[in-house]
Amino acid sequence: MHYFTEQNIFIFLVQVFLLLGLARAVGELFRRFRQPALTGEILVGIILGPTIFGRFLPNLYQVVFPQDITQQNMLETVIWLGLLFFLLETGLKMDFSSAWRHRGKALTIAVSDIIVPMALGFFASLLLPEQYLVNPEQRIVFAFFMATAMTISAMPTAIRALSDLDLVKTDLGFLIMSALSVNEIIGWVVFAFILHFLNPSLNLEASKIFLNFCGISAIIVFCLTIGRRFSDFAISKIREYALIEPASSLTFISLLGFLCGAVFQKIGVNALMGFFIAGIMAGEAKALSERTRQVISQMVYAIFIPLFFAGIGLKADNQSELWQVLEHTFTQHRLVRKK
């Protein structure tokens, strides 16, 4: 069994301090200039990542962000928690009744959001030179794989952008989030189908994929009907028995998120969708106080979200091609001047 060392914990605390502190500060600075805080948070990650920090101070970068799998997993876990709770909090803001009114438009947008990118990605992949393909004989399957990957939406980023623009609770926001949800489900099911052709050993038959899709739909319907009533009942009982609030409701909502996340992950849909559905279930509870909603929202936006989006920037390594181009340009310029 592997245990964290004191050095692991020390470096982890330094990493969180830098990412959270700078992400919050730069995010607020961007907000003051009426720019999305999201941009500032990702920018902090890029600056602290290999593109800037790792390029100009490589030795210090290796000290703060060492290439140690244990150290990386510690930070990755916190970043994942941030993403999961972000989707949970977003679900709490959803007005299911308003979203249901837009179901026809949401389905139309979701389907077109799958067909158009898939067609573009498929035909673009067919034109790739053979040296970019692992197995040129599977070009068609590879093209379908790339096309499907392009259809799966970046749901967290889209929702954060809506939040920064104060559109989450508007009809437009509900329509976009509903369409993203449908897109996510269809996209992952199609992805599973394509995965079968890339790896036949998985034995994913078309009938099994269809049954899986029906099972996913049934679970979502169950969560948004009986699950919503159960959440309302549970939170009502929490208030009836005068349990400590908002801690008790916060614990229940978190447990609901982890349960739904585990179920959705098990059935082949990303756990993010489970947390989002859990948020909708809890958010529809009439007994859930506004104070509890505010506590959850402030906790997520003050800690988890800045860490997640700074973590996105941290993973972006743009230095290889960018700096090679710049170095080549400067080298050529120097040679020309010498001549």
Protein backbone atom coordinates (compact mmCIF):
# COMPACT_ATOMS: atom_id res chain seq x y z
CA MET A 1 0.00 0.00 0.00
CA HIS A 2 1.28 3.45 -0.92
CA TYR A 3 1.04 6.28 1.57
CA PHE A 4 1.38 9.99 0.94
CA THR A 5 4.62 11.42 2.25
CA GLU A 6 4.95 14.76 4.02
CA GLN A 7 6.56 16.10 0.86
CA ASN A 8 3.52 15.02 -1.22
CA ILE A 9 1.18 16.86 1.13
CA PHE A 10 3.40 19.96 1.22
CA ILE A 11 3.61 20.20 -2.59
CA PHE A 12 -0.14 19.54 -2.92
CA LEU A 13 -0.92 22.44 -0.55
CA VAL A 14 1.43 24.74 -2.48
CA GLN A 15 -0.22 23.76 -5.78
CA VAL A 16 -3.74 24.41 -4.47
CA PHE A 17 -2.61 27.70 -2.90
CA LEU A 18 -1.16 28.96 -6.17
CA LEU A 19 -3.98 27.74 -8.43
CA LEU A 20 -6.87 28.84 -6.21
CA GLY A 21 -5.35 32.14 -5.10
CA LEU A 22 -4.27 33.30 -8.55
CA ALA A 23 -7.40 31.97 -10.28
CA ARG A 24 -9.67 33.87 -7.91
CA ALA A 25 -7.58 37.06 -8.13
CA VAL A 26 -7.23 37.09 -11.90
CA GLY A 27 -10.86 36.02 -12.34
CA GLU A 28 -12.04 38.97 -10.26
CA LEU A 29 -9.72 41.27 -12.21
CA PHE A 30 -11.24 40.09 -15.48
CA ARG A 31 -14.73 40.56 -14.04
CA ARG A 32 -13.91 44.16 -13.12
CA PHE A 33 -13.17 44.81 -16.78
CA ARG A 34 -16.43 43.08 -17.74
CA GLN A 35 -14.69 40.02 -19.09
CA PRO A 36 -15.59 36.40 -18.20
CA ALA A 37 -13.83 35.18 -15.07
CA LEU A 38 -13.53 31.85 -16.87
CA THR A 39 -10.93 33.36 -19.21
CA GLY A 40 -8.79 34.59 -16.35
CA GLU A 41 -8.93 31.25 -14.52
CA ILE A 42 -7.82 29.28 -17.59
CA LEU A 43 -5.11 31.87 -18.26
CA VAL A 44 -3.70 31.31 -14.76
CA GLY A 45 -3.44 27.59 -15.49
CA ILE A 46 -1.63 28.26 -18.78
CA ILE A 47 0.83 30.62 -17.06
CA LEU A 48 1.53 28.11 -14.28
CA GLY A 49 1.74 25.23 -16.74
CA PRO A 50 4.53 24.00 -19.04
CA THR A 51 3.83 26.68 -21.64
CA ILE A 52 5.07 29.64 -19.54
CA PHE A 53 6.29 28.58 -16.08
CA GLY A 54 7.78 25.32 -17.34
CA ARG A 55 9.42 27.08 -20.26
CA PHE A 56 11.19 29.93 -18.47
CA LEU A 57 11.75 28.38 -15.02
CA PRO A 58 11.96 24.64 -15.71
CA ASN A 59 13.79 23.70 -12.50
CA LEU A 60 11.35 25.55 -10.26
CA TYR A 61 8.43 24.19 -12.30
CA GLN A 62 9.60 20.63 -11.62
CA VAL A 63 9.67 21.42 -7.90
CA VAL A 64 6.13 22.86 -7.80
CA PHE A 65 4.57 20.52 -10.38
CA PRO A 66 6.76 17.40 -10.35
CA GLN A 67 6.23 14.63 -12.90
CA ASP A 68 5.21 12.21 -10.16
CA ILE A 69 2.08 10.14 -10.72
CA THR A 70 1.07 10.24 -7.04
CA GLN A 71 1.43 14.01 -6.90
CA GLN A 72 -0.50 14.48 -10.12
CA ASN A 73 -3.30 12.20 -8.94
CA MET A 74 -3.75 14.23 -5.75
CA LEU A 75 -4.35 17.43 -7.69
CA GLU A 76 -6.40 15.66 -10.36
CA THR A 77 -8.79 14.33 -7.70
CA VAL A 78 -9.50 17.81 -6.35
CA ILE A 79 -10.00 19.15 -9.87
CA TRP A 80 -12.47 16.34 -10.61
CA LEU A 81 -14.39 17.08 -7.41
CA GLY A 82 -14.61 20.69 -8.55
CA LEU A 83 -16.10 19.65 -11.88
CA LEU A 84 -18.60 17.24 -10.29
CA PHE A 85 -19.87 19.78 -7.76
CA PHE A 86 -20.05 22.42 -10.47
CA LEU A 87 -22.51 20.26 -12.42
CA LEU A 88 -24.40 19.50 -9.19
CA GLU A 89 -24.78 23.20 -8.41
CA THR A 90 -25.84 23.93 -12.00
CA GLY A 91 -28.59 21.33 -11.72
CA LEU A 92 -29.84 23.07 -8.58
CA LYS A 93 -30.45 26.20 -10.65
CA MET A 94 -32.44 24.39 -13.31
CA ASP A 95 -36.18 24.99 -13.47
CA PHE A 96 -37.34 21.62 -14.78
CA SER A 97 -40.82 22.90 -15.67
CA SER A 98 -39.38 25.67 -17.85
CA ALA A 99 -36.87 23.28 -19.43
CA TRP A 100 -39.64 20.76 -20.20
CA ARG A 101 -41.59 23.42 -22.09
CA HIS A 102 -38.63 23.75 -24.47
CA ARG A 103 -38.17 19.99 -24.96
CA GLY A 104 -39.03 20.11 -28.69
CA LYS A 105 -36.57 22.89 -29.44
CA ALA A 106 -33.94 21.29 -27.20
CA LEU A 107 -34.21 17.98 -29.05
CA THR A 108 -33.96 19.73 -32.44
CA ILE A 109 -30.85 21.66 -31.35
CA ALA A 110 -29.26 18.56 -29.81
CA VAL A 111 -29.80 16.41 -32.92
CA SER A 112 -28.50 19.10 -35.27
CA ASP A 113 -25.57 19.63 -32.89
CA ILE A 114 -24.70 15.97 -33.43
CA ILE A 115 -25.33 15.60 -37.18
CA VAL A 116 -23.52 18.74 -38.40
CA PRO A 117 -20.24 18.35 -36.41
CA MET A 118 -20.24 14.61 -37.09
CA ALA A 119 -20.51 15.16 -40.84
CA LEU A 120 -17.76 17.81 -40.84
CA GLY A 121 -15.48 15.73 -38.60
CA PHE A 122 -16.03 12.59 -40.66
CA PHE A 123 -15.19 14.11 -44.05
CA ALA A 124 -12.25 16.11 -42.62
CA SER A 125 -10.78 12.91 -41.11
CA LEU A 126 -11.06 11.12 -44.45
CA LEU A 127 -8.66 13.69 -45.93
CA LEU A 128 -5.91 13.16 -43.33
CA PRO A 129 -2.56 11.87 -44.70
CA GLU A 130 -1.70 8.27 -43.87
CA GLN A 131 1.19 9.21 -41.56
CA TYR A 132 -1.34 10.56 -39.05
CA LEU A 133 -3.18 7.23 -38.88
CA VAL A 134 -2.16 4.30 -36.70
CA ASN A 135 -3.81 1.86 -39.10
CA PRO A 136 -4.58 3.30 -42.55
CA GLU A 137 -6.81 0.29 -43.28
CA GLN A 138 -9.22 1.52 -40.60
CA ARG A 139 -9.56 5.02 -41.99
CA ILE A 140 -13.37 4.83 -42.11
CA VAL A 141 -13.65 3.67 -38.50
CA PHE A 142 -11.13 6.31 -37.42
CA ALA A 143 -13.15 8.99 -39.23
CA PHE A 144 -16.30 7.90 -37.39
CA PHE A 145 -14.38 7.95 -34.10
CA MET A 146 -13.13 11.52 -34.65
CA ALA A 147 -16.57 12.63 -35.84
CA THR A 148 -18.23 11.26 -32.72
CA ALA A 149 -15.61 12.77 -30.42
CA MET A 150 -16.36 16.19 -31.92
CA THR A 151 -20.09 15.87 -31.23
CA ILE A 152 -19.76 15.37 -27.45
CA SER A 153 -20.27 18.83 -26.01
CA ALA A 154 -18.03 20.62 -23.52
CA MET A 155 -20.94 20.91 -21.12
CA PRO A 156 -19.08 22.34 -18.08
CA THR A 157 -17.42 25.10 -20.10
CA ALA A 158 -20.68 26.05 -21.82
CA ILE A 159 -22.54 26.21 -18.51
CA ARG A 160 -19.80 28.33 -16.92
CA ALA A 161 -19.99 30.76 -19.84
CA LEU A 162 -23.77 31.00 -19.35
CA SER A 163 -23.22 31.64 -15.66
CA ASP A 164 -20.71 34.43 -16.30
CA LEU A 165 -23.25 36.02 -18.66
CA ASP A 166 -26.10 35.63 -16.09
CA LEU A 167 -28.09 33.49 -18.53
CA VAL A 168 -28.38 30.27 -16.51
CA LYS A 169 -31.86 31.01 -15.11
CA THR A 170 -33.26 32.49 -18.31
CA ASP A 171 -35.35 30.65 -20.92
CA LEU A 172 -32.36 30.76 -23.27
CA GLY A 173 -30.15 29.24 -20.57
CA PHE A 174 -32.65 26.46 -19.84
CA LEU A 175 -32.93 25.72 -23.56
CA ILE A 176 -29.16 25.51 -24.02
CA MET A 177 -28.64 23.30 -20.96
CA SER A 178 -31.49 21.00 -21.98
CA ALA A 179 -30.00 20.64 -25.47
CA LEU A 180 -26.54 19.99 -24.00
CA SER A 181 -27.97 17.26 -21.77
CA VAL A 182 -29.62 15.47 -24.70
CA ASN A 183 -26.48 15.92 -26.79
CA GLU A 184 -24.35 14.39 -24.03
CA ILE A 185 -26.51 11.26 -23.75
CA ILE A 186 -26.81 10.64 -27.50
CA GLY A 187 -23.14 11.43 -28.04
CA TRP A 188 -21.91 8.89 -25.47
CA VAL A 189 -24.21 6.17 -26.81
CA VAL A 190 -22.93 6.73 -30.37
CA PHE A 191 -19.39 6.76 -28.99
CA ALA A 192 -19.96 3.34 -27.41
CA PHE A 193 -21.18 2.05 -30.77
CA ILE A 194 -18.07 3.33 -32.57
CA LEU A 195 -15.87 1.91 -29.81
CA HIS A 196 -17.17 -1.55 -30.71
CA PHE A 197 -15.67 -1.33 -34.18
CA LEU A 198 -12.35 -0.03 -32.86
CA ASN A 199 -12.14 -2.80 -30.26
CA PRO A 200 -14.31 -5.82 -31.17
CA SER A 201 -13.12 -7.63 -28.03
CA LEU A 202 -15.49 -5.41 -26.04
CA ASN A 203 -18.39 -7.36 -27.60
CA LEU A 204 -20.73 -4.37 -27.77
CA GLU A 205 -23.54 -5.63 -29.96
CA ALA A 206 -26.02 -3.19 -31.52
CA SER A 207 -28.87 -4.73 -29.54
CA LYS A 208 -26.97 -4.25 -26.28
CA ILE A 209 -26.23 -0.63 -27.13
CA PHE A 210 -29.91 -0.04 -27.92
CA LEU A 211 -30.95 -1.66 -24.63
CA ASN A 212 -28.34 0.45 -22.86
CA PHE A 213 -29.79 3.60 -24.41
CA CYS A 214 -33.29 2.57 -23.27
CA GLY A 215 -31.93 1.87 -19.79
CA ILE A 216 -30.27 5.29 -19.63
CA SER A 217 -33.50 6.98 -20.73
CA ALA A 218 -35.50 5.01 -18.14
CA ILE A 219 -33.11 5.98 -15.33
CA ILE A 220 -33.28 9.66 -16.30
CA VAL A 221 -37.10 9.54 -16.40
CA PHE A 222 -37.10 7.80 -13.00
CA CYS A 223 -34.79 10.45 -11.51
CA LEU A 224 -36.81 13.36 -12.88
CA THR A 225 -40.14 11.96 -11.66
CA ILE A 226 -39.96 9.67 -8.63
CA GLY A 227 -36.47 10.91 -7.76
CA ARG A 228 -37.65 14.51 -7.57
CA ARG A 229 -40.48 13.55 -5.23
CA PHE A 230 -38.10 11.51 -3.06
CA SER A 231 -35.69 14.47 -2.79
CA ASP A 232 -38.52 16.79 -1.79
CA PHE A 233 -39.70 14.26 0.82
CA ALA A 234 -36.20 13.74 2.25
CA ILE A 235 -35.40 17.44 2.54
CA SER A 236 -38.85 18.06 4.09
CA LYS A 237 -38.07 15.44 6.74
CA ILE A 238 -34.72 17.09 7.43
CA ARG A 239 -36.53 20.34 8.22
CA GLU A 240 -39.33 18.56 10.09
CA TYR A 241 -36.88 16.87 12.48
CA ALA A 242 -35.00 20.16 12.91
CA LEU A 243 -31.62 18.74 11.92
CA ILE A 244 -28.65 21.08 11.68
CA GLU A 245 -29.05 23.25 8.62
CA PRO A 246 -27.79 23.92 6.01
CA ALA A 247 -25.28 21.14 6.81
CA SER A 248 -27.82 18.30 6.72
CA SER A 249 -29.33 19.32 3.37
CA LEU A 250 -25.85 19.87 1.97
CA THR A 251 -24.83 16.36 3.04
CA PHE A 252 -27.98 14.83 1.52
CA ILE A 253 -27.51 16.65 -1.80
CA SER A 254 -23.84 15.64 -1.95
CA LEU A 255 -24.71 11.99 -1.25
CA LEU A 256 -27.39 12.15 -3.93
CA GLY A 257 -24.80 13.48 -6.37
CA PHE A 258 -22.30 10.73 -5.59
CA LEU A 259 -25.00 8.05 -5.90
CA CYS A 260 -26.29 9.31 -9.26
CA GLY A 261 -22.74 9.88 -10.48
CA ALA A 262 -21.78 6.29 -9.66
CA VAL A 263 -24.93 4.90 -11.34
CA PHE A 264 -24.45 6.92 -14.52
CA GLN A 265 -20.76 6.05 -14.69
CA LYS A 266 -21.63 2.37 -14.35
CA ILE A 267 -24.20 2.39 -17.16
CA GLY A 268 -21.78 4.03 -19.61
CA VAL A 269 -22.64 7.73 -19.28
CA ASN A 270 -20.17 10.16 -17.76
CA ALA A 271 -20.57 10.72 -14.01
CA LEU A 272 -20.95 14.44 -14.72
CA MET A 273 -24.43 13.78 -16.10
CA GLY A 274 -25.33 11.95 -12.88
CA PHE A 275 -24.33 14.93 -10.74
CA PHE A 276 -26.25 17.27 -13.05
CA ILE A 277 -29.41 15.12 -12.78
CA ALA A 278 -28.96 14.89 -8.99
CA GLY A 279 -28.82 18.68 -8.85
CA ILE A 280 -32.09 18.93 -10.78
CA MET A 281 -33.71 16.39 -8.43
CA ALA A 282 -32.67 18.32 -5.32
CA GLY A 283 -33.27 21.74 -6.86
CA GLU A 284 -36.94 20.95 -7.50
CA ALA A 285 -37.50 20.29 -3.78
CA LYS A 286 -39.80 23.00 -2.42
CA ALA A 287 -38.44 22.40 1.08
CA LEU A 288 -34.90 23.35 0.04
CA SER A 289 -34.27 26.79 1.52
CA GLU A 290 -32.74 29.66 -0.40
CA ARG A 291 -30.01 29.87 2.23
CA THR A 292 -28.89 26.29 1.49
CA ARG A 293 -28.84 27.02 -2.23
CA GLN A 294 -26.67 30.09 -1.62
CA VAL A 295 -24.24 28.17 0.61
CA ILE A 296 -23.75 25.49 -2.03
CA SER A 297 -23.37 28.04 -4.81
CA GLN A 298 -20.84 30.14 -2.91
CA MET A 299 -18.80 27.10 -1.91
CA VAL A 300 -18.66 25.82 -5.49
CA TYR A 301 -17.86 29.17 -7.09
CA ALA A 302 -15.35 30.21 -4.44
CA ILE A 303 -13.29 27.01 -4.35
CA PHE A 304 -14.16 24.22 -6.77
CA ILE A 305 -14.77 26.05 -10.05
CA PRO A 306 -11.60 28.21 -10.04
CA LEU A 307 -9.53 25.09 -9.32
CA PHE A 308 -11.16 23.17 -12.15
CA PHE A 309 -10.72 25.80 -14.85
CA ALA A 310 -7.19 26.65 -13.70
CA GLY A 311 -6.53 22.90 -13.93
CA ILE A 312 -7.70 22.93 -17.57
CA GLY A 313 -5.12 25.59 -18.39
CA LEU A 314 -2.47 23.72 -16.42
CA LYS A 315 -2.85 20.70 -18.72
CA ALA A 316 -2.55 22.77 -21.89
CA ASP A 317 0.95 22.34 -23.29
CA ASN A 318 1.15 24.71 -26.21
CA GLN A 319 4.89 25.25 -26.04
CA SER A 320 6.10 22.45 -28.29
CA GLU A 321 4.84 23.73 -31.63
CA LEU A 322 4.48 27.42 -30.73
CA TRP A 323 7.97 27.84 -29.34
CA GLN A 324 9.53 25.75 -32.09
CA VAL A 325 8.00 28.08 -34.65
CA LEU A 326 9.17 31.19 -32.75
CA GLU A 327 12.67 29.82 -32.22
CA HIS A 328 12.92 28.87 -35.88
CA THR A 329 11.79 32.36 -36.89
CA PHE A 330 14.28 34.11 -34.61
CA THR A 331 17.10 31.78 -35.73
CA GLN A 332 16.40 32.53 -39.37
CA HIS A 333 16.21 36.24 -38.59
CA ARG A 334 19.60 36.10 -36.87
CA LEU A 335 21.19 34.22 -39.76
CA VAL A 336 19.86 36.77 -42.23
CA ARG A 337 21.27 39.65 -40.16
CA LYS A 338 24.69 37.96 -39.91
CA LYS A 339 24.83 37.50 -43.65
